[in-house]
Amino acid sequence: MREEVSSAISYALSKGFQIHPDAFKILEKIDVKELQNVIKQIVREKAKQNLFLINQSDLKMFIESDMDSTTEDNHVILFDPTKKVTSAEGIDGFTALFTDRYSKLMKIMTQRSQSKKLTSISNITNGKLGEETYIAGLLMDRKIERDVTKLTIDDPTGSIEVLVFNKETQETANSLLMDQFLMASIASGKNGGFIVRELLVPDIPDHITNRSKTETYAVLISDLHVGSKYFLEKEFKEFVSWLSSPDPIARKVRFVLVCGDIVDGIGIFPNQDKELLLMDVNEQMAKAAELLDKIPKHIKVFIIPGNHDPGRRALPQPAIPEKHNMHLWNRENFFMLGNPSLLELNGVRILMFHGQSLDDVVGTTPGLSYAQPARAMRALLRTRHLSPIYGKRTPIAPELEDFMVISDVPDIYHSGHIHVVDLDMYKGTLIVNSGAWQSQTPFQASVGINPTPGIAVIVNLATMKVFTRDFTENSS
């Protein structure tokens, strides 16, 4: 008997376990490097269930040839901005960006019956206003007064100010995000000006969610912040160990989606060095790679950057540059993508976006808060744009094409950034904010943000059933 096998058996026996004779043959086949870890995982999981016999079925999943072949793991990368970013410069660049945003969202809106009554803003300002007329453009300004909301709307032909008096329509007008696309039915006011009768936003349509043909699980996580003093390393290791465990759910996990902020970064905010354990971003990335490397090789891992990760900060972000993550690139089961990215996993469309713009959405929209990030994510689905607000906290690059438009309706919309786990279902799209693996920081405490760290969000792609697993429960 190999020394490694003997050592593993001794460990199990010391914990009060018995080993079925049929299990010995399997022990001999498991990779020597993984053997001790495998036994520890099995002991830990079975002890929770008060089961103290290790049998053949507990070990079979750790042999590659015995993996469950009925669980599909098909993936298609539908969109990744990494090789598409071609930033322009200055005013010309932003003119191109907003012109493309208008064109893409106008294309979406032409599917509405009202679009047949659309006219250009220049026609209206030149006095050509029909009995029922619609205009469409980007919201450039809003002034909320006691009994009226004034909206300034731009299209490629000009700009117009319109007035909203109807209370119900005012609620819609006051919840609009700056720079978002909208369509408005307008009429001439008795005392001059243009009165809004109806407001329409692009929104996503009701749709039937695509499903996996086999029972396959995807795990959605975000915001590790490796390198921070507040990174929950112990809990994250527990999570990674669970992925290799005999747990019946873990055995069917084929995808892990990491939605940005892999590391805490360097110089992201004032006095950050006081909160760091690792003072070099490459050391942080190397540590992250070491931890992620323990994810079983049969699980595909998709990683996008966040605002703390090395590389470009402005949206859209290319994948974390290879020079910073040499341990993660060019791996068979790892896929380094840009922010945002769109995937198809066993036929289920998943939109991954780190979520920087949620700060601006929460900060400018009445009724939204960091405690319920899924509501802010829903607002972005309604605009069909992941970062419509320009000039606030979220840096936006002057791209020739606006890659932040939500052209394809996702089955799952996954973000992080807020550090609070939150779920919602909107018109057939599952909204997931997957929290974090970093405990409350001094800044979060100062602004009243209460994170929910150490929780993995797990989705059954065949049923769209969602549940969470809290890896902080066993922490001392």
Protein backbone atom coordinates (compact mmCIF):
# COMPACT_ATOMS: atom_id res chain seq x y z
CA MET A 1 0.00 0.00 0.00
CA ARG A 2 1.33 3.42 -0.94
CA GLU A 3 2.49 5.63 1.90
CA GLU A 4 0.06 8.37 0.85
CA VAL A 5 -2.90 5.95 0.96
CA SER A 6 -1.84 4.65 4.36
CA SER A 7 -1.58 8.21 5.70
CA ALA A 8 -5.04 9.10 4.36
CA ILE A 9 -6.58 5.99 5.90
CA SER A 10 -4.93 6.75 9.23
CA TYR A 11 -6.42 10.23 9.19
CA ALA A 12 -9.93 8.87 8.56
CA LEU A 13 -9.59 6.24 11.28
CA SER A 14 -8.37 8.87 13.74
CA LYS A 15 -11.63 10.74 13.17
CA GLY A 16 -13.71 7.69 14.02
CA PHE A 17 -14.43 6.57 10.45
CA GLN A 18 -14.51 3.09 8.96
CA ILE A 19 -13.54 2.38 5.36
CA HIS A 20 -15.45 -0.15 3.26
CA PRO A 21 -13.18 -2.77 1.62
CA ASP A 22 -14.40 -1.77 -1.87
CA ALA A 23 -13.17 1.79 -1.26
CA PHE A 24 -9.52 0.71 -1.02
CA LYS A 25 -9.30 0.06 -4.80
CA ILE A 26 -10.54 3.59 -5.49
CA LEU A 27 -8.05 5.14 -3.06
CA GLU A 28 -5.20 3.70 -5.10
CA LYS A 29 -6.46 5.49 -8.24
CA ILE A 30 -6.81 9.02 -6.82
CA ASP A 31 -4.07 11.55 -7.62
CA VAL A 32 -1.44 11.45 -4.85
CA LYS A 33 -1.39 15.27 -4.59
CA GLU A 34 -5.14 15.38 -3.96
CA LEU A 35 -5.58 12.27 -1.80
CA GLN A 36 -5.16 13.80 1.66
CA ASN A 37 -7.41 16.73 0.73
CA VAL A 38 -10.04 14.38 -0.70
CA ILE A 39 -10.21 12.33 2.50
CA LYS A 40 -10.45 15.48 4.63
CA GLN A 41 -13.36 16.76 2.51
CA ILE A 42 -15.22 13.45 2.75
CA VAL A 43 -14.65 13.24 6.51
CA ARG A 44 -15.86 16.81 7.00
CA GLU A 45 -19.03 16.40 4.89
CA LYS A 46 -20.03 12.98 6.23
CA ALA A 47 -19.38 13.96 9.83
CA LYS A 48 -22.00 16.71 9.43
CA GLN A 49 -24.48 13.97 8.49
CA ASN A 50 -23.34 11.65 11.31
CA LEU A 51 -22.28 9.05 8.74
CA PHE A 52 -18.98 7.41 9.63
CA LEU A 53 -18.45 4.90 6.82
CA ILE A 54 -16.46 5.84 3.70
CA ASN A 55 -17.61 3.71 0.79
CA GLN A 56 -16.91 3.33 -2.91
CA SER A 57 -19.49 5.91 -4.03
CA ASP A 58 -17.91 8.60 -1.83
CA LEU A 59 -14.64 8.27 -3.72
CA LYS A 60 -15.73 7.54 -7.28
CA MET A 61 -16.32 11.16 -8.24
CA PHE A 62 -12.65 11.96 -7.66
CA ILE A 63 -11.56 9.73 -10.55
CA GLU A 64 -11.81 11.61 -13.86
CA SER A 65 -13.11 8.59 -15.78
CA ASP A 66 -15.93 8.17 -13.25
CA MET A 67 -17.26 11.74 -13.57
CA ASP A 68 -20.99 11.99 -14.25
CA SER A 69 -21.04 12.10 -18.05
CA THR A 70 -24.76 12.89 -18.16
CA THR A 71 -24.13 16.43 -16.84
CA GLU A 72 -23.47 18.72 -19.79
CA ASP A 73 -20.87 21.50 -19.71
CA ASN A 74 -21.34 23.20 -23.08
CA HIS A 75 -20.36 26.84 -23.32
CA VAL A 76 -20.34 29.55 -25.98
CA ILE A 77 -18.84 33.01 -25.47
CA LEU A 78 -21.37 35.22 -27.27
CA PHE A 79 -19.69 38.53 -26.48
CA ASP A 80 -16.35 39.56 -24.98
CA PRO A 81 -15.15 43.17 -25.44
CA THR A 82 -11.46 42.34 -24.92
CA LYS A 83 -10.42 42.45 -28.58
CA LYS A 84 -13.09 44.95 -29.63
CA VAL A 85 -12.16 48.02 -27.60
CA THR A 86 -10.87 50.74 -29.92
CA SER A 87 -11.10 53.90 -27.87
CA ALA A 88 -11.43 57.17 -29.73
CA GLU A 89 -10.45 60.47 -28.16
CA GLY A 90 -12.16 63.51 -26.72
CA ILE A 91 -15.40 65.02 -27.97
CA ASP A 92 -15.35 63.10 -31.26
CA GLY A 93 -15.06 59.83 -29.37
CA PHE A 94 -17.99 60.55 -27.07
CA THR A 95 -20.05 61.84 -30.00
CA ALA A 96 -19.49 58.48 -31.72
CA LEU A 97 -20.32 56.60 -28.50
CA PHE A 98 -23.64 58.36 -27.87
CA THR A 99 -24.59 58.24 -31.56
CA ASP A 100 -24.10 54.47 -31.52
CA ARG A 101 -26.05 54.18 -28.23
CA TYR A 102 -28.94 56.08 -29.83
CA SER A 103 -28.85 53.90 -32.98
CA LYS A 104 -28.78 50.57 -31.10
CA LEU A 105 -31.58 51.51 -28.73
CA MET A 106 -33.65 53.04 -31.52
CA LYS A 107 -33.39 49.69 -33.31
CA ILE A 108 -34.81 48.00 -30.18
CA MET A 109 -37.62 50.56 -29.92
CA THR A 110 -38.68 50.15 -33.55
CA GLN A 111 -40.23 46.85 -32.46
CA ARG A 112 -42.90 48.92 -30.64
CA SER A 113 -46.04 49.87 -32.57
CA GLN A 114 -45.63 53.51 -31.44
CA SER A 115 -42.40 53.77 -33.43
CA LYS A 116 -44.45 54.19 -36.63
CA LYS A 117 -45.46 57.62 -35.30
CA LEU A 118 -41.90 58.76 -34.57
CA THR A 119 -40.58 62.02 -35.92
CA SER A 120 -37.29 63.84 -35.44
CA ILE A 121 -36.89 66.54 -32.81
CA SER A 122 -35.95 69.05 -35.51
CA ASN A 123 -39.35 68.51 -37.14
CA ILE A 124 -41.05 69.36 -33.84
CA THR A 125 -38.97 72.46 -33.19
CA ASN A 126 -39.70 73.59 -36.77
CA GLY A 127 -43.41 73.48 -36.04
CA LYS A 128 -44.35 70.13 -37.60
CA LEU A 129 -46.32 68.57 -34.75
CA GLY A 130 -49.03 66.08 -35.66
CA GLU A 131 -52.07 65.06 -33.59
CA GLU A 132 -50.24 62.06 -32.14
CA THR A 133 -46.50 62.41 -32.37
CA TYR A 134 -43.63 60.53 -30.75
CA ILE A 135 -40.02 61.56 -30.33
CA ALA A 136 -37.11 59.44 -29.13
CA GLY A 137 -33.69 60.31 -27.78
CA LEU A 138 -31.35 60.40 -24.81
CA LEU A 139 -32.32 62.15 -21.56
CA MET A 140 -29.84 65.01 -21.15
CA ASP A 141 -31.39 66.94 -18.27
CA ARG A 142 -34.25 66.75 -15.77
CA LYS A 143 -35.66 69.42 -13.47
CA ILE A 144 -38.23 68.38 -10.89
CA GLU A 145 -40.44 71.20 -9.66
CA ARG A 146 -43.52 71.10 -7.45
CA ASP A 147 -46.13 70.33 -10.09
CA VAL A 148 -44.08 69.68 -13.22
CA THR A 149 -41.07 67.67 -14.36
CA LYS A 150 -39.04 69.16 -17.20
CA LEU A 151 -37.11 66.78 -19.43
CA THR A 152 -34.50 67.73 -22.04
CA ILE A 153 -34.24 65.10 -24.77
CA ASP A 154 -31.61 64.91 -27.53
CA ASP A 155 -31.64 63.05 -30.83
CA PRO A 156 -29.16 63.42 -33.74
CA THR A 157 -31.20 66.35 -35.15
CA GLY A 158 -31.49 68.52 -32.06
CA SER A 159 -32.69 69.04 -28.51
CA ILE A 160 -36.10 69.75 -26.96
CA GLU A 161 -37.54 70.47 -23.51
CA VAL A 162 -40.83 68.76 -22.70
CA LEU A 163 -43.11 69.11 -19.68
CA VAL A 164 -44.68 66.31 -17.60
CA PHE A 165 -47.78 67.24 -15.55
CA ASN A 166 -49.60 63.92 -15.18
CA LYS A 167 -48.80 62.48 -11.73
CA GLU A 168 -48.43 58.86 -12.90
CA THR A 169 -46.24 59.87 -15.84
CA GLN A 170 -44.22 62.06 -13.49
CA GLU A 171 -43.34 59.00 -11.41
CA THR A 172 -41.91 57.38 -14.52
CA ALA A 173 -40.12 60.59 -15.53
CA ASN A 174 -38.57 61.04 -12.08
CA SER A 175 -37.24 57.46 -12.06
CA LEU A 176 -35.49 57.76 -15.43
CA LEU A 177 -31.69 57.51 -15.44
CA MET A 178 -29.72 60.36 -16.96
CA ASP A 179 -28.42 59.71 -20.49
CA GLN A 180 -30.81 56.81 -20.96
CA PHE A 181 -32.92 56.31 -24.08
CA LEU A 182 -36.64 57.03 -24.00
CA MET A 183 -39.61 57.58 -26.29
CA ALA A 184 -42.26 60.22 -25.57
CA SER A 185 -45.68 61.04 -26.97
CA ILE A 186 -46.02 64.83 -26.99
CA ALA A 187 -48.59 67.50 -27.76
CA SER A 188 -48.61 71.31 -27.85
CA GLY A 189 -49.48 72.99 -24.55
CA LYS A 190 -52.22 75.64 -24.35
CA ASN A 191 -49.73 78.13 -22.97
CA GLY A 192 -46.89 77.05 -25.24
CA GLY A 193 -44.30 74.35 -24.80
CA PHE A 194 -44.64 70.61 -25.36
CA ILE A 195 -46.61 68.38 -23.00
CA VAL A 196 -45.76 64.70 -22.49
CA ARG A 197 -48.71 62.33 -22.79
CA GLU A 198 -46.81 59.04 -22.49
CA LEU A 199 -43.26 57.88 -21.71
CA LEU A 200 -41.79 54.60 -22.94
CA VAL A 201 -38.41 53.00 -22.17
CA PRO A 202 -36.70 50.20 -24.12
CA ASP A 203 -37.09 47.59 -21.33
CA ILE A 204 -36.72 43.86 -21.84
CA PRO A 205 -39.73 41.86 -23.06
CA ASP A 206 -41.35 39.03 -21.13
CA HIS A 207 -39.67 35.86 -22.29
CA ILE A 208 -39.53 32.16 -21.52
CA THR A 209 -36.21 31.39 -19.85
CA ASN A 210 -33.91 28.98 -21.65
CA ARG A 211 -33.06 25.87 -19.62
CA SER A 212 -30.29 23.29 -19.58
CA LYS A 213 -31.34 19.85 -20.82
CA THR A 214 -29.45 18.20 -17.96
CA GLU A 215 -29.36 19.00 -14.26
CA THR A 216 -26.29 21.19 -14.19
CA TYR A 217 -25.32 23.80 -11.62
CA ALA A 218 -23.58 27.14 -12.05
CA VAL A 219 -22.06 28.92 -9.05
CA LEU A 220 -22.10 32.71 -9.14
CA ILE A 221 -19.58 34.61 -6.99
CA SER A 222 -17.88 38.01 -7.03
CA ASP A 223 -15.59 40.41 -5.18
CA LEU A 224 -12.93 38.19 -3.61
CA HIS A 225 -10.60 41.16 -2.89
CA VAL A 226 -7.57 38.92 -2.41
CA GLY A 227 -4.78 40.93 -0.78
CA SER A 228 -7.11 42.79 1.57
CA LYS A 229 -6.94 42.28 5.34
CA TYR A 230 -10.67 41.69 5.13
CA PHE A 231 -10.54 38.91 2.51
CA LEU A 232 -12.21 35.79 3.95
CA GLU A 233 -9.51 33.34 2.92
CA LYS A 234 -10.61 30.53 5.23
CA GLU A 235 -14.22 30.72 4.03
CA PHE A 236 -13.15 30.89 0.38
CA LYS A 237 -10.99 27.78 0.82
CA GLU A 238 -14.02 26.06 2.37
CA PHE A 239 -16.01 26.98 -0.75
CA VAL A 240 -13.36 25.62 -3.10
CA SER A 241 -13.11 22.43 -1.04
CA TRP A 242 -16.89 22.03 -1.23
CA LEU A 243 -16.66 22.03 -5.03
CA SER A 244 -14.61 18.81 -4.75
CA SER A 245 -16.78 17.27 -2.06
CA PRO A 246 -19.24 14.34 -2.29
CA ASP A 247 -22.12 16.80 -1.82
CA PRO A 248 -24.74 15.86 -4.47
CA ILE A 249 -25.05 19.49 -5.61
CA ALA A 250 -21.29 20.03 -5.79
CA ARG A 251 -21.01 16.93 -7.96
CA LYS A 252 -23.19 18.57 -10.60
CA VAL A 253 -21.46 21.96 -10.62
CA ARG A 254 -19.88 22.51 -14.04
CA PHE A 255 -19.51 26.29 -14.10
CA VAL A 256 -18.16 28.96 -11.73
CA LEU A 257 -18.69 32.59 -12.76
CA VAL A 258 -16.51 35.17 -11.00
CA CYS A 259 -17.92 38.67 -11.55
CA GLY A 260 -14.91 40.91 -10.93
CA ASP A 261 -12.71 42.36 -8.16
CA ILE A 262 -10.56 39.26 -7.92
CA VAL A 263 -8.00 41.28 -5.97
CA ASP A 264 -8.13 44.44 -3.84
CA GLY A 265 -5.66 46.22 -6.10
CA ILE A 266 -3.26 49.06 -5.31
CA GLY A 267 -4.09 52.76 -5.00
CA ILE A 268 -7.81 52.30 -5.64
CA PHE A 269 -8.81 54.61 -2.77
CA PRO A 270 -6.94 56.87 -0.29
CA ASN A 271 -4.92 55.10 2.42
CA GLN A 272 -5.70 51.69 0.93
CA ASP A 273 -2.26 50.44 1.97
CA LYS A 274 -3.47 50.39 5.60
CA GLU A 275 -6.01 47.70 4.64
CA LEU A 276 -3.67 45.46 2.61
CA LEU A 277 -1.83 42.27 3.46
CA LEU A 278 -0.18 42.10 0.01
CA MET A 279 1.27 45.41 -1.23
CA ASP A 280 1.93 44.37 -4.84
CA VAL A 281 -0.83 43.68 -7.36
CA ASN A 282 1.09 40.81 -8.95
CA GLU A 283 1.46 39.18 -5.52
CA GLN A 284 -2.28 39.59 -5.07
CA MET A 285 -2.97 37.99 -8.47
CA ALA A 286 -0.55 35.13 -7.75
CA LYS A 287 -2.34 34.45 -4.46
CA ALA A 288 -5.72 34.54 -6.21
CA ALA A 289 -4.46 32.11 -8.85
CA GLU A 290 -3.18 29.77 -6.13
CA LEU A 291 -6.63 29.70 -4.50
CA LEU A 292 -8.60 29.37 -7.74
CA ASP A 293 -6.27 26.64 -8.96
CA LYS A 294 -7.82 24.28 -6.41
CA ILE A 295 -11.15 24.36 -8.28
CA PRO A 296 -11.60 20.90 -9.86
CA LYS A 297 -10.50 20.71 -13.49
CA HIS A 298 -13.89 19.46 -14.70
CA ILE A 299 -15.45 22.82 -13.71
CA LYS A 300 -15.19 25.70 -16.19
CA VAL A 301 -14.32 29.04 -14.58
CA PHE A 302 -15.24 32.36 -16.21
CA ILE A 303 -13.60 35.51 -14.81
CA ILE A 304 -14.27 39.15 -15.66
CA PRO A 305 -12.50 42.19 -14.15
CA GLY A 306 -13.87 44.73 -11.71
CA ASN A 307 -12.79 48.24 -10.77
CA HIS A 308 -10.19 46.91 -8.27
CA ASP A 309 -8.45 44.59 -10.75
CA PRO A 310 -5.33 45.54 -12.76
CA GLY A 311 -5.86 46.87 -16.26
CA ARG A 312 -8.14 49.52 -17.70
CA ARG A 313 -10.73 50.91 -15.25
CA ALA A 314 -13.02 52.63 -17.76
CA LEU A 315 -15.95 50.70 -19.20
CA PRO A 316 -15.96 48.49 -21.12
CA GLN A 317 -12.97 46.70 -19.59
CA PRO A 318 -10.84 44.19 -21.48
CA ALA A 319 -9.90 41.00 -19.63
CA ILE A 320 -7.29 41.35 -16.87
CA PRO A 321 -4.01 41.69 -18.84
CA GLU A 322 -2.07 38.46 -19.18
CA LYS A 323 1.03 40.01 -17.59
CA HIS A 324 -0.89 40.22 -14.31
CA ASN A 325 -2.47 36.77 -14.33
CA MET A 326 0.03 34.48 -16.00
CA HIS A 327 -1.21 31.66 -13.76
CA LEU A 328 -4.80 31.95 -15.03
CA TRP A 329 -4.48 32.56 -18.75
CA ASN A 330 -4.19 29.69 -21.23
CA ARG A 331 -5.70 27.13 -18.89
CA GLU A 332 -8.05 24.52 -20.27
CA ASN A 333 -10.84 25.23 -17.79
CA PHE A 334 -10.27 28.97 -17.17
CA PHE A 335 -11.68 31.72 -19.38
CA MET A 336 -10.52 35.31 -18.85
CA LEU A 337 -13.14 37.66 -20.30
CA GLY A 338 -13.89 41.38 -20.40
CA ASN A 339 -16.49 43.40 -18.51
CA PRO A 340 -19.29 43.00 -19.57
CA SER A 341 -19.48 39.58 -21.23
CA LEU A 342 -22.32 37.40 -22.47
CA LEU A 343 -22.13 33.59 -22.20
CA GLU A 344 -24.33 30.69 -23.16
CA LEU A 345 -24.00 27.78 -20.74
CA ASN A 346 -25.96 24.68 -21.77
CA GLY A 347 -28.22 27.00 -23.76
CA VAL A 348 -28.78 29.45 -20.85
CA ARG A 349 -27.72 33.04 -21.64
CA ILE A 350 -25.84 34.73 -18.80
CA LEU A 351 -24.85 38.40 -18.82
CA MET A 352 -21.87 39.14 -16.56
CA PHE A 353 -21.26 42.77 -15.55
CA HIS A 354 -19.22 43.72 -12.49
CA GLY A 355 -21.63 46.53 -11.62
CA GLN A 356 -19.66 49.76 -11.10
CA SER A 357 -22.57 51.82 -12.47
CA LEU A 358 -24.86 50.59 -9.69
CA ASP A 359 -23.26 53.28 -7.49
CA ASP A 360 -24.61 55.96 -9.83
CA VAL A 361 -28.02 54.30 -10.18
CA VAL A 362 -28.48 54.05 -6.41
CA GLY A 363 -27.11 57.55 -5.86
CA THR A 364 -29.44 59.27 -8.34
CA THR A 365 -32.69 57.27 -8.14
CA PRO A 366 -35.21 57.85 -5.35
CA GLY A 367 -36.19 54.69 -3.49
CA LEU A 368 -33.11 52.62 -4.38
CA SER A 369 -30.47 51.58 -1.84
CA TYR A 370 -27.37 49.42 -1.45
CA ALA A 371 -29.42 47.04 0.69
CA GLN A 372 -31.31 45.84 -2.42
CA PRO A 373 -28.94 45.93 -5.40
CA ALA A 374 -31.23 43.71 -7.51
CA ARG A 375 -33.68 46.62 -7.76
CA ALA A 376 -30.95 48.83 -9.21
CA MET A 377 -30.02 46.03 -11.61
CA ARG A 378 -33.67 45.84 -12.67
CA ALA A 379 -33.52 49.57 -13.49
CA LEU A 380 -30.62 48.89 -15.87
CA LEU A 381 -32.57 46.12 -17.60
CA ARG A 382 -35.40 48.61 -18.15
CA THR A 383 -32.98 51.04 -19.81
CA ARG A 384 -31.40 48.19 -21.83
CA HIS A 385 -28.03 49.66 -20.88
CA LEU A 386 -25.47 48.65 -18.24
CA SER A 387 -24.00 52.10 -17.60
CA PRO A 388 -26.15 54.89 -19.03
CA ILE A 389 -25.17 57.69 -16.63
CA TYR A 390 -22.19 59.74 -17.83
CA GLY A 391 -20.09 62.09 -15.71
CA LYS A 392 -20.63 60.56 -12.27
CA ARG A 393 -18.52 57.93 -10.45
CA THR A 394 -18.32 55.37 -13.27
CA PRO A 395 -15.62 56.06 -15.87
CA ILE A 396 -16.81 55.42 -19.43
CA ALA A 397 -14.37 55.20 -22.34
CA PRO A 398 -15.14 57.09 -25.59
CA GLU A 399 -15.55 53.93 -27.69
CA LEU A 400 -16.62 54.08 -31.32
CA GLU A 401 -19.32 51.54 -30.43
CA ASP A 402 -21.39 51.37 -27.24
CA PHE A 403 -20.76 47.87 -25.90
CA MET A 404 -22.83 48.52 -22.78
CA VAL A 405 -26.18 48.32 -24.59
CA ILE A 406 -28.13 45.18 -23.58
CA SER A 407 -28.99 44.05 -27.11
CA ASP A 408 -29.68 40.41 -26.24
CA VAL A 409 -32.11 39.58 -23.44
CA PRO A 410 -30.29 37.42 -20.84
CA ASP A 411 -31.79 34.50 -18.91
CA ILE A 412 -29.52 35.39 -15.98
CA TYR A 413 -28.08 38.84 -15.25
CA HIS A 414 -25.13 38.54 -12.82
CA SER A 415 -23.38 41.45 -11.07
CA GLY A 416 -21.34 42.04 -7.93
CA HIS A 417 -19.66 45.25 -6.69
CA ILE A 418 -22.22 46.05 -3.95
CA HIS A 419 -21.12 43.13 -1.68
CA VAL A 420 -24.73 42.26 -0.84
CA VAL A 421 -26.37 39.03 -2.02
CA ASP A 422 -29.72 39.84 -3.62
CA LEU A 423 -32.03 38.03 -6.04
CA ASP A 424 -34.95 39.01 -8.24
CA MET A 425 -36.90 37.69 -11.23
CA TYR A 426 -37.92 40.20 -13.87
CA LYS A 427 -39.83 39.28 -17.03
CA GLY A 428 -38.14 35.89 -17.23
CA THR A 429 -34.65 37.14 -16.37
CA LEU A 430 -33.09 35.96 -13.11
CA ILE A 431 -31.23 38.86 -11.47
CA VAL A 432 -28.34 37.90 -9.17
CA ASN A 433 -26.05 40.12 -7.18
CA SER A 434 -23.59 37.62 -5.75
CA GLY A 435 -22.17 39.48 -2.76
CA ALA A 436 -18.51 39.21 -1.79
CA TRP A 437 -15.75 37.31 0.03
CA GLN A 438 -14.59 40.37 1.98
CA SER A 439 -15.91 41.32 5.41
CA GLN A 440 -17.09 44.85 6.17
CA THR A 441 -14.39 47.44 5.52
CA PRO A 442 -14.03 50.73 7.44
CA PHE A 443 -15.38 52.65 4.43
CA GLN A 444 -18.46 50.43 4.19
CA ALA A 445 -19.08 50.85 7.91
CA SER A 446 -18.80 54.65 7.57
CA VAL A 447 -21.51 54.79 4.87
CA GLY A 448 -23.78 52.16 6.39
CA ILE A 449 -23.19 49.33 3.90
CA ASN A 450 -23.69 45.93 5.53
CA PRO A 451 -22.17 43.27 3.25
CA THR A 452 -23.26 39.64 3.19
CA PRO A 453 -19.91 37.94 2.51
CA GLY A 454 -18.91 34.30 2.20
CA ILE A 455 -22.05 33.16 0.40
CA ALA A 456 -22.10 31.24 -2.91
CA VAL A 457 -25.17 31.64 -5.14
CA ILE A 458 -25.96 28.35 -6.87
CA VAL A 459 -28.31 28.07 -9.86
CA ASN A 460 -29.79 24.86 -11.25
CA LEU A 461 -29.65 25.63 -14.97
CA ALA A 462 -32.31 22.99 -15.71
CA THR A 463 -34.96 24.45 -13.39
CA MET A 464 -33.66 27.97 -12.64
CA LYS A 465 -34.05 27.16 -8.95
CA VAL A 466 -31.64 29.27 -6.90
CA PHE A 467 -30.24 28.67 -3.47
CA THR A 468 -27.32 29.93 -1.44
CA ARG A 469 -24.67 28.21 0.65
CA ASP A 470 -23.16 30.21 3.50
CA PHE A 471 -19.52 29.35 4.15
CA THR A 472 -19.28 31.62 7.18
CA GLU A 473 -21.58 29.40 9.27
CA ASN A 474 -18.78 27.18 10.52
CA SER A 475 -16.32 30.03 11.07
CA SER A 476 -15.29 30.79 14.60
